[in-house]
């Protein structure tokens, strides 16, 4: 990182995933948990800002509860209620 720079992660809030029958399904790229076996390459303390087409949030210094709420706020609107419910079940909120 450059001196005085700020780390940003920019991503689309959704992805199109091909189903076994060949159709495509829209899924949220903001999820409450990782897929089993997924590799994490960045520690949460290294992420200052996350940006989607629905906004930008600053995660630096935020608690787990705050981070969950902030990430839900920039998820695709069609997935926010589901993400909120899942975060509550996992005691993130």
N, C-alpha and C. Protein backbone atom coordinates (compact mmCIF):
# COMPACT_ATOMS: atom_id res chain seq x y z
N UNK A 1 0.85 -1.18 0.00
CA UNK A 1 0.00 0.00 0.00
C UNK A 1 0.89 1.23 0.00
N UNK A 2 0.44 2.25 -0.68
CA UNK A 2 1.23 3.48 -0.75
C UNK A 2 1.14 4.24 0.58
N UNK A 3 2.16 5.02 0.85
CA UNK A 3 2.19 5.81 2.07
C UNK A 3 1.00 6.76 2.08
N UNK A 4 0.21 6.70 3.15
CA UNK A 4 -0.97 7.54 3.25
C UNK A 4 -2.16 7.05 2.44
N UNK A 5 -1.98 5.91 1.76
CA UNK A 5 -3.07 5.36 0.94
C UNK A 5 -4.15 4.73 1.80
N UNK A 6 -5.28 4.48 1.18
CA UNK A 6 -6.41 3.85 1.86
C UNK A 6 -6.82 2.60 1.09
N UNK A 7 -6.93 1.47 1.79
CA UNK A 7 -7.33 0.25 1.10
C UNK A 7 -8.84 0.20 0.83
N UNK A 8 -9.19 0.02 -0.43
CA UNK A 8 -10.58 -0.11 -0.86
C UNK A 8 -10.77 -1.49 -1.47
N UNK A 9 -11.92 -2.08 -1.23
CA UNK A 9 -12.35 -3.28 -1.95
C UNK A 9 -13.61 -2.87 -2.70
N UNK A 10 -13.58 -3.02 -4.01
CA UNK A 10 -14.75 -2.68 -4.84
C UNK A 10 -15.26 -3.96 -5.49
N UNK A 11 -16.57 -4.17 -5.42
CA UNK A 11 -17.15 -5.36 -6.00
C UNK A 11 -18.59 -5.11 -6.41
N UNK A 12 -19.06 -5.90 -7.36
CA UNK A 12 -20.48 -5.89 -7.68
C UNK A 12 -21.20 -6.59 -6.53
N UNK A 13 -22.41 -6.16 -6.23
CA UNK A 13 -23.15 -6.74 -5.11
C UNK A 13 -23.73 -8.11 -5.42
N UNK A 14 -23.85 -8.45 -6.71
CA UNK A 14 -24.42 -9.74 -7.09
C UNK A 14 -23.57 -10.41 -8.16
N UNK A 15 -23.85 -11.68 -8.36
CA UNK A 15 -23.22 -12.45 -9.44
C UNK A 15 -24.26 -13.37 -10.04
N UNK A 16 -24.05 -13.75 -11.28
CA UNK A 16 -24.90 -14.74 -11.95
C UNK A 16 -24.19 -16.08 -11.86
N UNK A 17 -24.85 -17.06 -11.23
CA UNK A 17 -24.26 -18.39 -11.05
C UNK A 17 -25.02 -19.39 -11.91
N UNK A 18 -24.28 -20.14 -12.68
CA UNK A 18 -24.90 -21.14 -13.55
C UNK A 18 -25.37 -22.33 -12.71
N UNK A 19 -26.61 -22.72 -12.89
CA UNK A 19 -27.21 -23.84 -12.18
C UNK A 19 -26.98 -25.13 -12.98
N UNK A 20 -27.16 -26.30 -12.33
CA UNK A 20 -26.96 -27.57 -13.03
C UNK A 20 -27.82 -27.72 -14.29
N UNK A 21 -29.01 -27.09 -14.29
CA UNK A 21 -29.89 -27.21 -15.47
C UNK A 21 -29.54 -26.20 -16.57
N UNK A 22 -28.48 -25.42 -16.35
CA UNK A 22 -28.04 -24.46 -17.36
C UNK A 22 -28.59 -23.05 -17.17
N UNK A 23 -29.59 -22.89 -16.32
CA UNK A 23 -30.12 -21.55 -16.06
C UNK A 23 -29.16 -20.79 -15.16
N UNK A 24 -29.35 -19.49 -15.10
CA UNK A 24 -28.52 -18.66 -14.24
C UNK A 24 -29.35 -18.10 -13.10
N UNK A 25 -28.73 -18.04 -11.93
CA UNK A 25 -29.39 -17.54 -10.73
C UNK A 25 -28.58 -16.36 -10.20
N UNK A 26 -29.27 -15.30 -9.80
CA UNK A 26 -28.60 -14.15 -9.20
C UNK A 26 -28.38 -14.43 -7.72
N UNK A 27 -27.15 -14.25 -7.26
CA UNK A 27 -26.81 -14.46 -5.85
C UNK A 27 -26.09 -13.22 -5.33
N UNK A 28 -26.16 -13.03 -4.02
CA UNK A 28 -25.46 -11.93 -3.38
C UNK A 28 -23.99 -12.28 -3.22
N UNK A 29 -23.12 -11.33 -3.51
CA UNK A 29 -21.69 -11.52 -3.28
C UNK A 29 -21.32 -11.12 -1.86
N UNK A 30 -22.25 -10.49 -1.15
CA UNK A 30 -22.07 -10.21 0.27
C UNK A 30 -22.82 -11.31 1.00
N UNK A 31 -22.09 -12.10 1.77
CA UNK A 31 -22.67 -13.26 2.43
C UNK A 31 -22.31 -13.26 3.91
N UNK A 32 -23.13 -13.93 4.74
CA UNK A 32 -22.84 -13.95 6.17
C UNK A 32 -21.68 -14.88 6.55
N UNK A 33 -21.43 -15.89 5.73
CA UNK A 33 -20.35 -16.84 6.00
C UNK A 33 -19.65 -17.19 4.69
N UNK A 34 -18.50 -17.79 4.81
CA UNK A 34 -17.77 -18.25 3.63
C UNK A 34 -18.16 -19.68 3.31
N UNK A 35 -18.00 -20.05 2.06
CA UNK A 35 -18.20 -21.43 1.64
C UNK A 35 -17.15 -22.29 2.32
N UNK A 36 -17.52 -23.48 2.83
CA UNK A 36 -16.50 -24.35 3.43
C UNK A 36 -15.34 -24.57 2.47
N UNK A 37 -14.13 -24.42 2.99
CA UNK A 37 -12.94 -24.58 2.18
C UNK A 37 -12.45 -23.30 1.51
N UNK A 38 -13.23 -22.22 1.63
CA UNK A 38 -12.81 -20.95 1.04
C UNK A 38 -11.55 -20.44 1.73
N UNK A 39 -10.69 -19.80 0.98
CA UNK A 39 -9.43 -19.29 1.51
C UNK A 39 -9.56 -17.79 1.74
N UNK A 40 -9.18 -17.35 2.92
CA UNK A 40 -9.19 -15.92 3.26
C UNK A 40 -7.78 -15.39 3.05
N UNK A 41 -7.64 -14.35 2.24
CA UNK A 41 -6.31 -13.83 1.94
C UNK A 41 -6.06 -12.44 2.53
N UNK A 42 -7.05 -11.90 3.22
CA UNK A 42 -6.93 -10.56 3.76
C UNK A 42 -7.55 -10.53 5.15
N UNK A 43 -6.82 -10.06 6.13
CA UNK A 43 -7.34 -9.95 7.49
C UNK A 43 -8.32 -8.79 7.56
N UNK A 44 -9.35 -8.93 8.39
CA UNK A 44 -10.37 -7.89 8.45
C UNK A 44 -9.81 -6.53 8.87
N UNK A 45 -8.71 -6.52 9.60
CA UNK A 45 -8.13 -5.23 10.00
C UNK A 45 -7.45 -4.52 8.83
N UNK A 46 -7.27 -5.21 7.70
CA UNK A 46 -6.67 -4.60 6.52
C UNK A 46 -7.69 -3.99 5.57
N UNK A 47 -8.96 -4.11 5.90
CA UNK A 47 -10.02 -3.60 5.03
C UNK A 47 -10.58 -2.32 5.63
N UNK A 48 -10.33 -1.20 4.98
CA UNK A 48 -10.88 0.08 5.45
C UNK A 48 -12.23 0.38 4.81
N UNK A 49 -12.32 0.24 3.50
CA UNK A 49 -13.53 0.62 2.77
C UNK A 49 -13.98 -0.52 1.86
N UNK A 50 -15.30 -0.70 1.77
CA UNK A 50 -15.88 -1.63 0.80
C UNK A 50 -16.90 -0.84 -0.01
N UNK A 51 -16.85 -1.01 -1.33
CA UNK A 51 -17.71 -0.25 -2.24
C UNK A 51 -18.46 -1.21 -3.15
N UNK A 52 -19.78 -1.00 -3.28
CA UNK A 52 -20.58 -1.69 -4.30
C UNK A 52 -21.34 -0.61 -5.06
N UNK A 53 -22.14 -1.02 -6.02
CA UNK A 53 -22.95 -0.05 -6.75
C UNK A 53 -24.04 0.57 -5.87
N UNK A 54 -24.19 0.08 -4.62
CA UNK A 54 -25.20 0.62 -3.71
C UNK A 54 -24.60 1.48 -2.61
N UNK A 55 -23.31 1.76 -2.68
CA UNK A 55 -22.72 2.67 -1.72
C UNK A 55 -21.33 2.24 -1.29
N UNK A 56 -20.77 3.01 -0.38
CA UNK A 56 -19.45 2.76 0.18
C UNK A 56 -19.54 2.86 1.69
N UNK A 57 -18.85 1.96 2.38
CA UNK A 57 -18.84 1.99 3.84
C UNK A 57 -17.41 1.89 4.35
N UNK A 58 -17.17 2.50 5.49
CA UNK A 58 -15.87 2.40 6.14
C UNK A 58 -15.98 1.38 7.27
N UNK A 59 -15.19 0.32 7.18
CA UNK A 59 -15.23 -0.75 8.17
C UNK A 59 -14.14 -0.62 9.22
N UNK A 60 -13.12 0.18 8.96
CA UNK A 60 -12.00 0.30 9.89
C UNK A 60 -12.50 0.71 11.27
N UNK A 61 -12.12 -0.08 12.27
CA UNK A 61 -12.47 0.22 13.64
C UNK A 61 -13.87 -0.19 14.05
N UNK A 62 -14.66 -0.75 13.13
CA UNK A 62 -16.04 -1.13 13.44
C UNK A 62 -16.07 -2.50 14.13
N UNK A 63 -17.04 -2.67 15.02
CA UNK A 63 -17.25 -3.95 15.68
C UNK A 63 -17.84 -4.94 14.68
N UNK A 64 -17.93 -6.20 15.06
CA UNK A 64 -18.53 -7.21 14.19
C UNK A 64 -19.97 -6.83 13.87
N UNK A 65 -20.72 -6.39 14.87
CA UNK A 65 -22.12 -5.98 14.67
C UNK A 65 -22.20 -4.80 13.69
N UNK A 66 -21.34 -3.82 13.89
CA UNK A 66 -21.33 -2.65 13.00
C UNK A 66 -20.93 -3.04 11.58
N UNK A 67 -19.94 -3.91 11.46
CA UNK A 67 -19.47 -4.35 10.14
C UNK A 67 -20.59 -5.07 9.40
N UNK A 68 -21.30 -5.95 10.11
CA UNK A 68 -22.41 -6.69 9.49
C UNK A 68 -23.47 -5.71 8.98
N UNK A 69 -23.87 -4.77 9.81
CA UNK A 69 -24.89 -3.79 9.41
C UNK A 69 -24.42 -2.94 8.23
N UNK A 70 -23.18 -2.52 8.26
CA UNK A 70 -22.65 -1.70 7.17
C UNK A 70 -22.61 -2.47 5.86
N UNK A 71 -22.16 -3.72 5.91
CA UNK A 71 -22.11 -4.52 4.68
C UNK A 71 -23.50 -4.81 4.14
N UNK A 72 -24.45 -5.08 5.02
CA UNK A 72 -25.84 -5.30 4.58
C UNK A 72 -26.36 -4.05 3.88
N UNK A 73 -25.96 -2.88 4.37
CA UNK A 73 -26.47 -1.63 3.80
C UNK A 73 -26.01 -1.39 2.36
N UNK A 74 -24.93 -2.05 1.93
CA UNK A 74 -24.46 -1.88 0.55
C UNK A 74 -24.68 -3.12 -0.30
N UNK A 75 -25.42 -4.09 0.25
CA UNK A 75 -25.80 -5.27 -0.52
C UNK A 75 -26.94 -4.90 -1.46
N UNK A 76 -27.19 -5.75 -2.45
CA UNK A 76 -28.32 -5.53 -3.36
C UNK A 76 -29.60 -5.52 -2.52
N UNK A 77 -30.51 -4.58 -2.75
CA UNK A 77 -31.74 -4.47 -1.95
C UNK A 77 -32.55 -5.77 -1.88
N UNK A 78 -32.53 -6.58 -2.93
CA UNK A 78 -33.29 -7.83 -2.92
C UNK A 78 -32.77 -8.84 -1.90
N UNK A 79 -31.54 -8.65 -1.41
CA UNK A 79 -30.93 -9.62 -0.50
C UNK A 79 -30.78 -9.09 0.93
N UNK A 80 -31.09 -7.84 1.17
CA UNK A 80 -30.83 -7.25 2.48
C UNK A 80 -31.62 -7.91 3.61
N UNK A 81 -32.90 -8.18 3.40
CA UNK A 81 -33.72 -8.80 4.46
C UNK A 81 -33.17 -10.18 4.82
N UNK A 82 -32.81 -10.95 3.81
CA UNK A 82 -32.27 -12.29 4.04
C UNK A 82 -30.93 -12.20 4.78
N UNK A 83 -30.07 -11.28 4.38
CA UNK A 83 -28.78 -11.11 5.05
C UNK A 83 -28.97 -10.67 6.50
N UNK A 84 -29.94 -9.79 6.73
CA UNK A 84 -30.24 -9.34 8.09
C UNK A 84 -30.67 -10.53 8.96
N UNK A 85 -31.57 -11.34 8.42
CA UNK A 85 -32.08 -12.51 9.15
C UNK A 85 -30.95 -13.49 9.46
N UNK A 86 -30.12 -13.77 8.49
CA UNK A 86 -29.01 -14.70 8.69
C UNK A 86 -27.99 -14.15 9.68
N UNK A 87 -27.72 -12.86 9.63
CA UNK A 87 -26.79 -12.23 10.57
C UNK A 87 -27.32 -12.31 12.00
N UNK A 88 -28.62 -12.16 12.15
CA UNK A 88 -29.23 -12.28 13.48
C UNK A 88 -29.12 -13.71 14.00
N UNK A 89 -29.37 -14.69 13.14
CA UNK A 89 -29.26 -16.10 13.54
C UNK A 89 -27.84 -16.45 13.97
N UNK A 90 -26.86 -15.83 13.35
CA UNK A 90 -25.45 -16.09 13.67
C UNK A 90 -24.95 -15.21 14.83
N UNK A 91 -25.85 -14.43 15.41
CA UNK A 91 -25.52 -13.51 16.51
C UNK A 91 -24.49 -12.45 16.11
N UNK A 92 -24.48 -12.10 14.83
CA UNK A 92 -23.66 -10.97 14.39
C UNK A 92 -24.36 -9.66 14.72
N UNK A 93 -25.69 -9.71 14.81
CA UNK A 93 -26.50 -8.53 15.12
C UNK A 93 -27.31 -8.78 16.37
